[in-house]
Each structure stands twice: as C-alpha cells, then as structure tokens.
Amino acid sequence: DDAAVCGLCAQPFHGAASPRPGAPAPPHTPAVAFVTYGGFWRRLAAALLDYAILFFPAATVRVLLGLPATGMFDPETSGYWTAAMFEFALDGLYATLFVCSPARGTLGMQVMDLHVTDLKGDRISFARSVWRYVAQIFALCTFGLDYLLQLFTPRRQALHDLVAGTVVVRPRPAHEPLPAPVM
C-alpha cells in the first residue's frame, strides 16, 4: 500500500511516498525488535523475593493476633482465619496493583528485570491482572507444575500466563539500539 509508516513499529518507510510532493522521504533503517522472555530461574528468584517482602507484614499481623510468626494453619482458631484473610488480601493487592501499574511487575520482578505484558507487549489492565492472580491461585492446585510448564512453552508462559493471555519479558534497555536485519 502507500502507507508512509510501518504499522508495527511506527517508523517511516525508506522510499515511501512523502506526505508533501517534492519533500524527501525520511531515512529508515528497518529494525527488528527481539523479545527476551523471562526464564524459569529468573522468575523463581523474583517469586522468592516477593515472598520475602510479603512475609514481614504477614508475620507482624500474626504476632499482633497472638499467633506464632510462622506455623501451620489451624481452621479451628479465628485468629488464623483473620491472619489468612489478611495475607490473601495483601498478596492479591500487591500482585495485581504492581503488575498493572507502569512498573509492570512486582518488586521482585523489578529487581530481576522482568515485566508482565499482554501478548502484544502492552501493559495489562487491572481486570487482566486480577484474572492472572486468580489463575495463579488455582494453579497452586497443580503443586508447582504450573511453573514447570514454562520450560516447555515457546514464550516461557506458565499456566496462569496462558489463561490470562500474558507473557513475562525482559525489557530492552532504552539506550540499547535494536539490531537491523541482515538483508
């Protein structure tokens, strides 16, 4: 067609019809954006960092309720139910709000240089972030097989990523130029 810019990268085409007759066409070196997906070990390290971050507020609430900072859940005690509901709410808010924010990831993901995006590379909405978190909760029923699935998918997606339509990527630094394809 006679488009002046690329529909994928919004860069002007070299030799494309210029918007004004007689005006030179802007130079364009085609570039291919390569995506680096978040690998298993990097995502595991991010999850462990998030667990360490969330442990301290949860342990503080447990101690304030007269419970041990760590321990097994006792369904017959109301304090354990209160602590469990606090932990569930804290984990949910932490995961959903950070992932749909401009940071695109939890604090652990930020440290490990990971972003959660949709399949087009855009920031995900709050609703999709909630759906991803719910899928993560249900994926706990697989006893970790959810995360092992990412070793076998081409985009390194875990089961909750597949369900939510998200992907975890490593962003390209702003100062790093995109390589031009070999012609």
Protein backbone atom coordinates (compact mmCIF):
# COMPACT_ATOMS: atom_id res chain seq x y z
CA ASP A 1 0.00 0.00 0.00
CA ASP A 2 1.03 3.63 0.08
CA ALA A 3 1.49 3.92 3.86
CA ALA A 4 4.28 6.23 4.93
CA VAL A 5 4.97 4.49 8.25
CA CYS A 6 5.31 0.90 9.40
CA GLY A 7 2.17 -0.39 11.12
CA LEU A 8 4.23 -2.39 13.65
CA CYS A 9 7.00 -0.01 14.71
CA ALA A 10 5.59 3.37 13.53
CA GLN A 11 8.87 4.20 11.80
CA PRO A 12 8.71 5.90 8.39
CA PHE A 13 9.49 3.69 5.41
CA HIS A 14 12.59 4.36 3.34
CA GLY A 15 11.42 5.38 -0.09
CA ALA A 16 7.78 5.68 0.97
CA ALA A 17 5.63 8.29 -0.63
CA SER A 18 6.27 11.50 1.26
CA PRO A 19 3.31 13.42 2.61
CA ARG A 20 4.25 16.54 0.60
CA PRO A 21 5.11 16.36 -3.08
CA GLY A 22 8.78 17.11 -3.62
CA ALA A 23 9.75 16.57 0.04
CA PRO A 24 12.47 13.97 0.54
CA ALA A 25 11.43 10.71 2.13
CA PRO A 26 12.75 10.32 5.68
CA PRO A 27 15.50 7.73 6.02
CA HIS A 28 14.52 4.49 7.69
CA THR A 29 16.67 1.63 8.72
CA PRO A 30 14.39 -1.30 9.34
CA ALA A 31 14.79 -2.79 12.75
CA VAL A 32 13.55 -6.00 14.24
CA ALA A 33 12.60 -5.99 17.90
CA PHE A 34 13.76 -9.14 19.63
CA VAL A 35 11.91 -10.19 22.75
CA THR A 36 13.65 -11.92 25.62
CA TYR A 37 11.22 -13.92 27.69
CA GLY A 38 11.55 -14.29 31.45
CA GLY A 39 13.18 -17.62 32.18
CA PHE A 40 12.38 -20.13 34.89
CA TRP A 41 15.22 -19.29 37.30
CA ARG A 42 14.79 -15.53 36.99
CA ARG A 43 11.05 -15.86 37.66
CA LEU A 44 11.70 -18.18 40.59
CA ALA A 45 14.13 -15.66 42.12
CA ALA A 46 11.52 -12.91 41.67
CA ALA A 47 8.87 -15.06 43.39
CA LEU A 48 11.23 -15.76 46.31
CA LEU A 49 11.98 -12.04 46.68
CA ASP A 50 8.25 -11.28 46.68
CA TYR A 51 7.71 -13.96 49.31
CA ALA A 52 10.41 -12.39 51.49
CA ILE A 53 8.87 -8.92 51.06
CA LEU A 54 5.37 -10.11 51.96
CA PHE A 55 6.50 -12.31 54.85
CA PHE A 56 7.24 -9.44 57.23
CA PRO A 57 3.84 -7.67 57.16
CA ALA A 58 2.07 -11.05 57.40
CA ALA A 59 4.28 -12.14 60.31
CA THR A 60 3.64 -8.83 62.07
CA VAL A 61 -0.13 -9.30 61.83
CA ARG A 62 0.17 -12.88 63.08
CA VAL A 63 2.18 -11.77 66.10
CA LEU A 64 -0.28 -8.94 66.83
CA LEU A 65 -3.07 -11.54 66.79
CA GLY A 66 -1.17 -13.62 69.37
CA LEU A 67 -0.10 -16.28 66.85
CA PRO A 68 3.38 -17.50 66.04
CA ALA A 69 5.06 -15.63 63.17
CA THR A 70 5.24 -18.89 61.22
CA GLY A 71 3.27 -22.04 61.56
CA MET A 72 0.57 -24.23 60.16
CA PHE A 73 -2.96 -23.00 59.54
CA ASP A 74 -5.43 -24.09 62.23
CA PRO A 75 -9.02 -23.87 60.91
CA GLU A 76 -10.49 -24.06 64.41
CA THR A 77 -8.91 -20.77 65.55
CA SER A 78 -10.41 -17.44 64.48
CA GLY A 79 -7.02 -15.71 64.70
CA TYR A 80 -5.67 -17.97 61.98
CA TRP A 81 -8.64 -17.15 59.74
CA THR A 82 -8.08 -13.42 60.28
CA ALA A 83 -4.37 -13.75 59.52
CA ALA A 84 -5.08 -15.89 56.43
CA MET A 85 -7.61 -13.38 55.07
CA PHE A 86 -5.15 -10.53 55.66
CA GLU A 87 -2.39 -12.42 53.87
CA PHE A 88 -4.68 -13.29 50.96
CA ALA A 89 -5.81 -9.65 50.60
CA LEU A 90 -2.26 -8.33 50.93
CA ASP A 91 -0.90 -10.81 48.35
CA GLY A 92 -3.75 -10.05 45.96
CA LEU A 93 -3.40 -6.29 46.19
CA TYR A 94 0.38 -6.48 45.95
CA ALA A 95 0.35 -8.71 42.87
CA THR A 96 -2.49 -7.07 40.97
CA LEU A 97 -1.66 -3.43 41.63
CA PHE A 98 2.05 -3.75 40.87
CA VAL A 99 1.55 -5.84 37.73
CA CYS A 100 -0.96 -3.44 36.14
CA SER A 101 1.00 -0.34 37.20
CA PRO A 102 3.52 1.41 34.94
CA ALA A 103 6.20 -0.71 36.67
CA ARG A 104 4.56 -3.79 35.04
CA GLY A 105 5.73 -6.13 37.78
CA THR A 106 6.05 -6.77 41.48
CA LEU A 107 9.09 -5.56 43.40
CA GLY A 108 10.74 -8.96 42.97
CA MET A 109 10.12 -8.81 39.22
CA GLN A 110 11.54 -5.30 39.07
CA VAL A 111 14.71 -6.42 40.83
CA MET A 112 15.01 -9.36 38.40
CA ASP A 113 14.31 -7.05 35.40
CA LEU A 114 11.01 -8.65 34.39
CA HIS A 115 7.79 -7.12 33.02
CA VAL A 116 4.34 -8.63 32.64
CA THR A 117 2.70 -7.65 29.36
CA ASP A 118 -0.15 -8.80 27.19
CA LEU A 119 0.63 -10.76 24.04
CA LYS A 120 1.16 -7.52 22.08
CA GLY A 121 3.69 -6.16 24.58
CA ASP A 122 1.35 -3.60 26.14
CA ARG A 123 0.70 -3.01 29.83
CA ILE A 124 -2.10 -5.18 31.16
CA SER A 125 -5.33 -3.83 32.62
CA PHE A 126 -6.40 -4.15 36.24
CA ALA A 127 -9.04 -6.72 35.28
CA ARG A 128 -6.48 -8.87 33.46
CA SER A 129 -4.11 -8.50 36.40
CA VAL A 130 -6.84 -9.76 38.77
CA TRP A 131 -7.61 -12.65 36.40
CA ARG A 132 -3.89 -13.54 36.29
CA TYR A 133 -3.74 -13.57 40.09
CA VAL A 134 -6.86 -15.75 40.35
CA ALA A 135 -5.35 -18.14 37.80
CA GLN A 136 -2.17 -18.24 39.92
CA ILE A 137 -4.21 -19.21 42.99
CA PHE A 138 -5.94 -22.02 41.10
CA ALA A 139 -2.60 -23.09 39.64
CA LEU A 140 -1.38 -23.80 43.18
CA CYS A 141 -3.56 -26.91 42.93
CA THR A 142 -1.01 -28.29 40.45
CA PHE A 143 1.70 -28.32 43.17
CA GLY A 144 4.16 -26.30 41.08
CA LEU A 145 3.55 -27.94 37.72
CA ASP A 146 2.10 -24.58 36.66
CA TYR A 147 5.56 -23.05 36.75
CA LEU A 148 7.27 -26.07 35.19
CA LEU A 149 5.04 -25.66 32.14
CA GLN A 150 7.01 -22.56 31.20
CA LEU A 151 10.01 -24.76 30.40
CA PHE A 152 8.04 -26.25 27.51
CA THR A 153 6.17 -23.27 26.02
CA PRO A 154 7.77 -21.13 23.30
CA ARG A 155 7.09 -17.85 25.14
CA ARG A 156 8.06 -19.25 28.55
CA GLN A 157 4.48 -18.88 29.79
CA ALA A 158 3.30 -20.59 32.94
CA LEU A 159 -0.25 -21.91 33.10
CA HIS A 160 -1.58 -18.72 34.69
CA ASP A 161 0.06 -16.69 31.89
CA LEU A 162 -1.62 -18.85 29.27
CA VAL A 163 -5.00 -18.50 31.00
CA ALA A 164 -4.69 -14.71 31.39
CA GLY A 165 -3.12 -14.05 27.98
CA THR A 166 0.03 -12.54 29.45
CA VAL A 167 3.74 -13.04 28.97
CA VAL A 168 6.72 -12.19 31.19
CA VAL A 169 9.52 -10.46 29.29
CA ARG A 170 12.84 -8.83 29.96
CA PRO A 171 12.65 -5.26 28.68
CA ARG A 172 15.29 -3.95 26.32
CA PRO A 173 17.22 -1.03 27.86
CA ALA A 174 16.31 2.33 26.31
CA HIS A 175 19.92 3.04 25.35
CA GLU A 176 20.38 -0.30 23.57
CA PRO A 177 19.75 0.03 19.82
CA LEU A 178 17.66 -2.53 18.03
CA PRO A 179 19.67 -4.62 15.58
CA ALA A 180 18.91 -4.17 11.88
CA PRO A 181 18.04 -7.33 9.99
CA VAL A 182 20.57 -8.77 7.58
CA MET A 183 19.43 -8.34 4.02
